Amino acid sequence: MEQYWMIARSVTYAQRMERMLMAAGIRTRIFRAPRDLSNMGCAYAVEVTGGAVRSALSILRSAGLYPAKLYLLQQGKYVEISL
């Protein structure tokens, strides 16, 4: 199953994103983003499985929450996807 990481600029922003998605029934997980995926210092990632990523992005955008970056895990590497 595909995994997507939505990068948030802070833990607070990631928590807002998670709460919005969990309220919509989309399962997520928050963790500190690896330094090589973000140049924002203390960025956090919100993980979403492949089947829910489009819905998740739509829900977040309608709530005014915008991930800084989006990555997809492919063959053990994360590939940035333009938003």
PDB file of N, CA and C in Angstrom:
ATOM      1  N   MET A   1       0.846  -1.174   0.000  1.00  0.00           N
ATOM      2  CA  MET A   1       0.000   0.000   0.000  1.00  0.00           C
ATOM      3  C   MET A   1       0.896   1.244   0.000  1.00  0.00           C
ATOM      4  N   GLU A   2       0.538   2.204  -0.800  1.00  0.00           N
ATOM      5  CA  GLU A   2       1.312   3.434  -0.887  1.00  0.00           C
ATOM      6  C   GLU A   2       1.182   4.248   0.393  1.00  0.00           C
ATOM      7  N   GLN A   3       2.267   4.915   0.731  1.00  0.00           N
ATOM      8  CA  GLN A   3       2.264   5.811   1.873  1.00  0.00           C
ATOM      9  C   GLN A   3       2.638   7.211   1.394  1.00  0.00           C
ATOM     10  N   TYR A   4       1.929   8.189   1.901  1.00  0.00           N
ATOM     11  CA  TYR A   4       2.202   9.581   1.595  1.00  0.00           C
ATOM     12  C   TYR A   4       2.528  10.313   2.884  1.00  0.00           C
ATOM     13  N   TRP A   5       3.484  11.216   2.798  1.00  0.00           N
ATOM     14  CA  TRP A   5       3.808  12.082   3.920  1.00  0.00           C
ATOM     15  C   TRP A   5       3.497  13.507   3.523  1.00  0.00           C
ATOM     16  N   MET A   6       2.652  14.159   4.315  1.00  0.00           N
ATOM     17  CA  MET A   6       2.357  15.578   4.124  1.00  0.00           C
ATOM     18  C   MET A   6       3.182  16.332   5.154  1.00  0.00           C
ATOM     19  N   ILE A   7       4.066  17.190   4.696  1.00  0.00           N
ATOM     20  CA  ILE A   7       4.969  17.911   5.589  1.00  0.00           C
ATOM     21  C   ILE A   7       4.287  19.169   6.110  1.00  0.00           C
ATOM     22  N   ALA A   8       4.340  19.325   7.436  1.00  0.00           N
ATOM     23  CA  ALA A   8       3.784  20.502   8.114  1.00  0.00           C
ATOM     24  C   ALA A   8       4.928  21.294   8.730  1.00  0.00           C
ATOM     25  N   ARG A   9       4.764  22.594   8.794  1.00  0.00           N
ATOM     26  CA  ARG A   9       5.837  23.469   9.277  1.00  0.00           C
ATOM     27  C   ARG A   9       6.091  23.366  10.780  1.00  0.00           C
ATOM     28  N   SER A  10       5.137  22.838  11.524  1.00  0.00           N
ATOM     29  CA  SER A  10       5.294  22.719  12.977  1.00  0.00           C
ATOM     30  C   SER A  10       4.432  21.572  13.494  1.00  0.00           C
ATOM     31  N   VAL A  11       4.687  21.177  14.721  1.00  0.00           N
ATOM     32  CA  VAL A  11       3.893  20.112  15.322  1.00  0.00           C
ATOM     33  C   VAL A  11       2.447  20.573  15.513  1.00  0.00           C
ATOM     34  N   THR A  12       2.240  21.840  15.831  1.00  0.00           N
ATOM     35  CA  THR A  12       0.884  22.357  16.014  1.00  0.00           C
ATOM     36  C   THR A  12       0.094  22.280  14.706  1.00  0.00           C
ATOM     37  N   TYR A  13       0.726  22.656  13.611  1.00  0.00           N
ATOM     38  CA  TYR A  13       0.060  22.600  12.306  1.00  0.00           C
ATOM     39  C   TYR A  13      -0.246  21.153  11.930  1.00  0.00           C
ATOM     40  N   ALA A  14       0.692  20.246  12.209  1.00  0.00           N
ATOM     41  CA  ALA A  14       0.477  18.822  11.935  1.00  0.00           C
ATOM     42  C   ALA A  14      -0.688  18.280  12.768  1.00  0.00           C
ATOM     43  N   GLN A  15      -0.787  18.720  14.017  1.00  0.00           N
ATOM     44  CA  GLN A  15      -1.888  18.280  14.867  1.00  0.00           C
ATOM     45  C   GLN A  15      -3.228  18.782  14.350  1.00  0.00           C
ATOM     46  N   ARG A  16      -3.268  20.011  13.846  1.00  0.00           N
ATOM     47  CA  ARG A  16      -4.513  20.525  13.251  1.00  0.00           C
ATOM     48  C   ARG A  16      -4.913  19.686  12.044  1.00  0.00           C
ATOM     49  N   MET A  17      -3.926  19.382  11.204  1.00  0.00           N
ATOM     50  CA  MET A  17      -4.198  18.553  10.028  1.00  0.00           C
ATOM     51  C   MET A  17      -4.716  17.179  10.459  1.00  0.00           C
ATOM     52  N   GLU A  18      -4.073  16.586  11.448  1.00  0.00           N
ATOM     53  CA  GLU A  18      -4.487  15.262  11.917  1.00  0.00           C
ATOM     54  C   GLU A  18      -5.907  15.283  12.467  1.00  0.00           C
ATOM     55  N   ARG A  19      -6.227  16.275  13.278  1.00  0.00           N
ATOM     56  CA  ARG A  19      -7.581  16.357  13.850  1.00  0.00           C
ATOM     57  C   ARG A  19      -8.642  16.478  12.765  1.00  0.00           C
ATOM     58  N   MET A  20      -8.369  17.279  11.759  1.00  0.00           N
ATOM     59  CA  MET A  20      -9.312  17.472  10.659  1.00  0.00           C
ATOM     60  C   MET A  20      -9.521  16.157   9.909  1.00  0.00           C
ATOM     61  N   LEU A  21      -8.439  15.447   9.638  1.00  0.00           N
ATOM     62  CA  LEU A  21      -8.538  14.193   8.895  1.00  0.00           C
ATOM     63  C   LEU A  21      -9.182  13.086   9.721  1.00  0.00           C
ATOM     64  N   MET A  22      -8.847  13.019  11.001  1.00  0.00           N
ATOM     65  CA  MET A  22      -9.445  11.995  11.865  1.00  0.00           C
ATOM     66  C   MET A  22     -10.957  12.224  11.995  1.00  0.00           C
ATOM     67  N   ALA A  23     -11.383  13.473  12.055  1.00  0.00           N
ATOM     68  CA  ALA A  23     -12.817  13.785  12.132  1.00  0.00           C
ATOM     69  C   ALA A  23     -13.534  13.326  10.874  1.00  0.00           C
ATOM     70  N   ALA A  24     -12.816  13.285   9.758  1.00  0.00           N
ATOM     71  CA  ALA A  24     -13.404  12.835   8.494  1.00  0.00           C
ATOM     72  C   ALA A  24     -13.244  11.328   8.299  1.00  0.00           C
ATOM     73  N   GLY A  25     -12.663  10.648   9.287  1.00  0.00           N
ATOM     74  CA  GLY A  25     -12.523   9.191   9.216  1.00  0.00           C
ATOM     75  C   GLY A  25     -11.271   8.711   8.496  1.00  0.00           C
ATOM     76  N   ILE A  26     -10.304   9.601   8.286  1.00  0.00           N
ATOM     77  CA  ILE A  26      -9.051   9.221   7.626  1.00  0.00           C
ATOM     78  C   ILE A  26      -7.992   9.007   8.699  1.00  0.00           C
ATOM     79  N   ARG A  27      -7.435   7.810   8.718  1.00  0.00           N
ATOM     80  CA  ARG A  27      -6.423   7.469   9.714  1.00  0.00           C
ATOM     81  C   ARG A  27      -5.091   8.107   9.346  1.00  0.00           C
ATOM     82  N   THR A  28      -4.428   8.656  10.350  1.00  0.00           N
ATOM     83  CA  THR A  28      -3.153   9.328  10.134  1.00  0.00           C
ATOM     84  C   THR A  28      -2.171   8.965  11.241  1.00  0.00           C
ATOM     85  N   ARG A  29      -0.950   9.394  11.033  1.00  0.00           N
ATOM     86  CA  ARG A  29       0.092   9.242  12.046  1.00  0.00           C
ATOM     87  C   ARG A  29       1.006  10.457  11.904  1.00  0.00           C
ATOM     88  N   ILE A  30       1.382  11.065  13.040  1.00  0.00           N
ATOM     89  CA  ILE A  30       2.276  12.225  13.040  1.00  0.00           C
ATOM     90  C   ILE A  30       3.636  11.811  13.578  1.00  0.00           C
ATOM     91  N   PHE A  31       4.691  12.340  12.969  1.00  0.00           N
ATOM     92  CA  PHE A  31       6.039  12.124  13.467  1.00  0.00           C
ATOM     93  C   PHE A  31       6.951  13.217  12.935  1.00  0.00           C
ATOM     94  N   ARG A  32       8.103  13.340  13.535  1.00  0.00           N
ATOM     95  CA  ARG A  32       9.076  14.351  13.101  1.00  0.00           C
ATOM     96  C   ARG A  32       9.581  13.997  11.716  1.00  0.00           C
ATOM     97  N   ALA A  33       9.543  14.940  10.803  1.00  0.00           N
ATOM     98  CA  ALA A  33       9.980  14.701   9.425  1.00  0.00           C
ATOM     99  C   ALA A  33      11.505  14.562   9.383  1.00  0.00           C
ATOM    100  N   PRO A  34      12.007  13.613   8.610  1.00  0.00           N
ATOM    101  CA  PRO A  34      13.459  13.495   8.455  1.00  0.00           C
ATOM    102  C   PRO A  34      14.042  14.796   7.892  1.00  0.00           C
ATOM    103  N   ARG A  35      15.225  15.152   8.347  1.00  0.00           N
ATOM    104  CA  ARG A  35      15.849  16.414   7.928  1.00  0.00           C
ATOM    105  C   ARG A  35      16.059  16.493   6.423  1.00  0.00           C
ATOM    106  N   ASP A  36      16.315  15.360   5.776  1.00  0.00           N
ATOM    107  CA  ASP A  36      16.566  15.406   4.333  1.00  0.00           C
ATOM    108  C   ASP A  36      15.294  15.657   3.515  1.00  0.00           C
ATOM    109  N   LEU A  37      14.119  15.574   4.140  1.00  0.00           N
ATOM    110  CA  LEU A  37      12.866  15.851   3.438  1.00  0.00           C
ATOM    111  C   LEU A  37      12.380  17.280   3.647  1.00  0.00           C
ATOM    112  N   SER A  38      12.971  17.962   4.585  1.00  0.00           N
ATOM    113  CA  SER A  38      12.488  19.309   4.870  1.00  0.00           C
ATOM    114  C   SER A  38      13.637  20.226   5.254  1.00  0.00           C
ATOM    115  N   ASN A  39      13.622  21.407   4.727  1.00  0.00           N
ATOM    116  CA  ASN A  39      14.613  22.413   5.109  1.00  0.00           C
ATOM    117  C   ASN A  39      14.019  23.417   6.091  1.00  0.00           C
ATOM    118  N   MET A  40      12.941  23.027   6.753  1.00  0.00           N
ATOM    119  CA  MET A  40      12.217  23.946   7.634  1.00  0.00           C
ATOM    120  C   MET A  40      12.582  23.780   9.100  1.00  0.00           C
ATOM    121  N   GLY A  41      13.621  23.062   9.432  1.00  0.00           N
ATOM    122  CA  GLY A  41      14.000  22.884  10.831  1.00  0.00           C
ATOM    123  C   GLY A  41      13.180  21.813  11.522  1.00  0.00           C
ATOM    124  N   CYS A  42      12.196  22.204  12.310  1.00  0.00           N
ATOM    125  CA  CYS A  42      11.439  21.230  13.108  1.00  0.00           C
ATOM    126  C   CYS A  42      10.115  20.859  12.442  1.00  0.00           C
ATOM    127  N   ALA A  43      10.159  20.503  11.188  1.00  0.00           N
ATOM    128  CA  ALA A  43       8.944  20.117  10.465  1.00  0.00           C
ATOM    129  C   ALA A  43       8.466  18.740  10.925  1.00  0.00           C
ATOM    130  N   TYR A  44       7.175  18.523  10.776  1.00  0.00           N
ATOM    131  CA  TYR A  44       6.562  17.240  11.119  1.00  0.00           C
ATOM    132  C   TYR A  44       5.834  16.699   9.902  1.00  0.00           C
ATOM    133  N   ALA A  45       5.667  15.376   9.887  1.00  0.00           N
ATOM    134  CA  ALA A  45       4.984  14.728   8.778  1.00  0.00           C
ATOM    135  C   ALA A  45       3.687  14.104   9.271  1.00  0.00           C
ATOM    136  N   VAL A  46       2.674  14.176   8.428  1.00  0.00           N
ATOM    137  CA  VAL A  46       1.398  13.503   8.674  1.00  0.00           C
ATOM    138  C   VAL A  46       1.312  12.411   7.610  1.00  0.00           C
ATOM    139  N   GLU A  47       1.292  11.173   8.050  1.00  0.00           N
ATOM    140  CA  GLU A  47       1.266  10.041   7.117  1.00  0.00           C
ATOM    141  C   GLU A  47      -0.166   9.629   6.807  1.00  0.00           C
ATOM    142  N   VAL A  48      -0.429   9.422   5.520  1.00  0.00           N
ATOM    143  CA  VAL A  48      -1.741   8.993   5.040  1.00  0.00           C
ATOM    144  C   VAL A  48      -1.510   7.871   4.038  1.00  0.00           C
ATOM    145  N   THR A  49      -2.363   6.853   4.050  1.00  0.00           N
ATOM    146  CA  THR A  49      -2.230   5.779   3.075  1.00  0.00           C
ATOM    147  C   THR A  49      -2.757   6.212   1.712  1.00  0.00           C
ATOM    148  N   GLY A  50      -2.314   5.533   0.673  1.00  0.00           N
ATOM    149  CA  GLY A  50      -2.585   5.920  -0.706  1.00  0.00           C
ATOM    150  C   GLY A  50      -4.028   6.144  -1.074  1.00  0.00           C
ATOM    151  N   GLY A  51      -4.915   5.288  -0.626  1.00  0.00           N
ATOM    152  CA  GLY A  51      -6.307   5.418  -1.026  1.00  0.00           C
ATOM    153  C   GLY A  51      -6.990   6.666  -0.516  1.00  0.00           C
ATOM    154  N   ALA A  52      -6.425   7.293   0.511  1.00  0.00           N
ATOM    155  CA  ALA A  52      -7.090   8.427   1.138  1.00  0.00           C
ATOM    156  C   ALA A  52      -6.412   9.757   0.861  1.00  0.00           C
ATOM    157  N   VAL A  53      -5.330   9.764   0.103  1.00  0.00           N
ATOM    158  CA  VAL A  53      -4.556  11.005  -0.030  1.00  0.00           C
ATOM    159  C   VAL A  53      -5.327  12.100  -0.766  1.00  0.00           C
ATOM    160  N   ARG A  54      -6.044  11.770  -1.808  1.00  0.00           N
ATOM    161  CA  ARG A  54      -6.809  12.804  -2.530  1.00  0.00           C
ATOM    162  C   ARG A  54      -7.898  13.399  -1.647  1.00  0.00           C
ATOM    163  N   SER A  55      -8.611  12.543  -0.955  1.00  0.00           N
ATOM    164  CA  SER A  55      -9.648  13.021  -0.035  1.00  0.00           C
ATOM    165  C   SER A  55      -9.030  13.872   1.069  1.00  0.00           C
ATOM    166  N   ALA A  56      -7.894  13.422   1.582  1.00  0.00           N
ATOM    167  CA  ALA A  56      -7.223  14.139   2.657  1.00  0.00           C
ATOM    168  C   ALA A  56      -6.818  15.540   2.205  1.00  0.00           C
ATOM    169  N   LEU A  57      -6.218  15.644   1.032  1.00  0.00           N
ATOM    170  CA  LEU A  57      -5.813  16.957   0.520  1.00  0.00           C
ATOM    171  C   LEU A  57      -7.016  17.864   0.294  1.00  0.00           C
ATOM    172  N   SER A  58      -8.101  17.305  -0.207  1.00  0.00           N
ATOM    173  CA  SER A  58      -9.317  18.080  -0.438  1.00  0.00           C
ATOM    174  C   SER A  58      -9.888  18.606   0.876  1.00  0.00           C
ATOM    175  N   ILE A  59      -9.928  17.752   1.875  1.00  0.00           N
ATOM    176  CA  ILE A  59     -10.446  18.138   3.191  1.00  0.00           C
ATOM    177  C   ILE A  59      -9.587  19.233   3.803  1.00  0.00           C
ATOM    178  N   LEU A  60      -8.272  19.065   3.726  1.00  0.00           N
ATOM    179  CA  LEU A  60      -7.366  20.055   4.302  1.00  0.00           C
ATOM    180  C   LEU A  60      -7.479  21.398   3.592  1.00  0.00           C
ATOM    181  N   ARG A  61      -7.541  21.362   2.290  1.00  0.00           N
ATOM    182  CA  ARG A  61      -7.660  22.622   1.529  1.00  0.00           C
ATOM    183  C   ARG A  61      -8.953  23.353   1.846  1.00  0.00           C
ATOM    184  N   SER A  62     -10.050  22.598   1.977  1.00  0.00           N
ATOM    185  CA  SER A  62     -11.329  23.244   2.293  1.00  0.00           C
ATOM    186  C   SER A  62     -11.321  23.862   3.691  1.00  0.00           C
ATOM    187  N   ALA A  63     -10.443  23.358   4.560  1.00  0.00           N
ATOM    188  CA  ALA A  63     -10.322  23.918   5.911  1.00  0.00           C
ATOM    189  C   ALA A  63      -9.235  24.986   5.999  1.00  0.00           C
ATOM    190  N   GLY A  64      -8.584  25.281   4.873  1.00  0.00           N
ATOM    191  CA  GLY A  64      -7.537  26.294   4.870  1.00  0.00           C
ATOM    192  C   GLY A  64      -6.202  25.807   5.395  1.00  0.00           C
ATOM    193  N   LEU A  65      -6.019  24.503   5.419  1.00  0.00           N
ATOM    194  CA  LEU A  65      -4.761  23.906   5.874  1.00  0.00           C
ATOM    195  C   LEU A  65      -4.008  23.370   4.658  1.00  0.00           C
ATOM    196  N   TYR A  66      -2.781  23.822   4.477  1.00  0.00           N
ATOM    197  CA  TYR A  66      -2.016  23.450   3.292  1.00  0.00           C
ATOM    198  C   TYR A  66      -0.677  22.834   3.692  1.00  0.00           C
ATOM    199  N   PRO A  67      -0.442  21.572   3.318  1.00  0.00           N
ATOM    200  CA  PRO A  67       0.867  20.974   3.583  1.00  0.00           C
ATOM    201  C   PRO A  67       1.946  21.731   2.820  1.00  0.00           C
ATOM    202  N   ALA A  68       3.135  21.826   3.420  1.00  0.00           N
ATOM    203  CA  ALA A  68       4.242  22.504   2.751  1.00  0.00           C
ATOM    204  C   ALA A  68       4.779  21.664   1.596  1.00  0.00           C
ATOM    205  N   LYS A  69       4.811  20.352   1.772  1.00  0.00           N
ATOM    206  CA  LYS A  69       5.288  19.427   0.745  1.00  0.00           C
ATOM    207  C   LYS A  69       4.526  18.119   0.861  1.00  0.00           C
ATOM    208  N   LEU A  70       4.549  17.333  -0.208  1.00  0.00           N
ATOM    209  CA  LEU A  70       3.917  16.025  -0.226  1.00  0.00           C
ATOM    210  C   LEU A  70       4.897  15.029  -0.825  1.00  0.00           C
ATOM    211  N   TYR A  71       5.084  13.906  -0.135  1.00  0.00           N
ATOM    212  CA  TYR A  71       5.997  12.867  -0.602  1.00  0.00           C
ATOM    213  C   TYR A  71       5.268  11.533  -0.708  1.00  0.00           C
ATOM    214  N   LEU A  72       5.686  10.726  -1.678  1.00  0.00           N
ATOM    215  CA  LEU A  72       5.183   9.377  -1.885  1.00  0.00           C
ATOM    216  C   LEU A  72       6.348   8.415  -1.742  1.00  0.00           C
ATOM    217  N   LEU A  73       6.143   7.325  -0.993  1.00  0.00           N
ATOM    218  CA  LEU A  73       7.168   6.304  -0.866  1.00  0.00           C
ATOM    219  C   LEU A  73       7.118   5.392  -2.087  1.00  0.00           C
ATOM    220  N   GLN A  74       8.222   5.327  -2.832  1.00  0.00           N
ATOM    221  CA  GLN A  74       8.332   4.453  -3.998  1.00  0.00           C
ATOM    222  C   GLN A  74       9.673   3.751  -3.946  1.00  0.00           C
ATOM    223  N   GLN A  75       9.653   2.434  -3.931  1.00  0.00           N
ATOM    224  CA  GLN A  75      10.863   1.615  -3.932  1.00  0.00           C
ATOM    225  C   GLN A  75      11.837   2.026  -2.835  1.00  0.00           C
ATOM    226  N   GLY A  76      11.323   2.270  -1.642  1.00  0.00           N
ATOM    227  CA  GLY A  76      12.146   2.608  -0.507  1.00  0.00           C
ATOM    228  C   GLY A  76      12.637   4.040  -0.446  1.00  0.00           C
ATOM    229  N   LYS A  77      12.249   4.878  -1.392  1.00  0.00           N
ATOM    230  CA  LYS A  77      12.650   6.285  -1.408  1.00  0.00           C
ATOM    231  C   LYS A  77      11.420   7.164  -1.475  1.00  0.00           C
ATOM    232  N   TYR A  78      11.547   8.351  -0.903  1.00  0.00           N
ATOM    233  CA  TYR A  78      10.445   9.295  -0.971  1.00  0.00           C
ATOM    234  C   TYR A  78      10.616  10.228  -2.149  1.00  0.00           C
ATOM    235  N   VAL A  79       9.554  10.353  -2.922  1.00  0.00           N
ATOM    236  CA  VAL A  79       9.546  11.175  -4.124  1.00  0.00           C
ATOM    237  C   VAL A  79       8.600  12.350  -3.872  1.00  0.00           C
ATOM    238  N   GLU A  80       9.100  13.574  -4.084  1.00  0.00           N
ATOM    239  CA  GLU A  80       8.258  14.742  -3.876  1.00  0.00           C
ATOM    240  C   GLU A  80       7.220  14.862  -4.983  1.00  0.00           C
ATOM    241  N   ILE A  81       5.989  15.148  -4.600  1.00  0.00           N
ATOM    242  CA  ILE A  81       4.882  15.343  -5.525  1.00  0.00           C
ATOM    243  C   ILE A  81       4.466  16.797  -5.437  1.00  0.00           C
ATOM    244  N   SER A  82       4.328  17.446  -6.576  1.00  0.00           N
ATOM    245  CA  SER A  82       3.939  18.856  -6.539  1.00  0.00           C
ATOM    246  C   SER A  82       2.484  18.992  -6.104  1.00  0.00           C
ATOM    247  N   LEU A  83       2.252  19.998  -5.306  1.00  0.00           N
ATOM    248  CA  LEU A  83       0.907  20.241  -4.770  1.00  0.00           C
ATOM    249  C   LEU A  83       0.126  21.145  -5.647  1.00  0.00           C
TER     250      LEU A  83
END
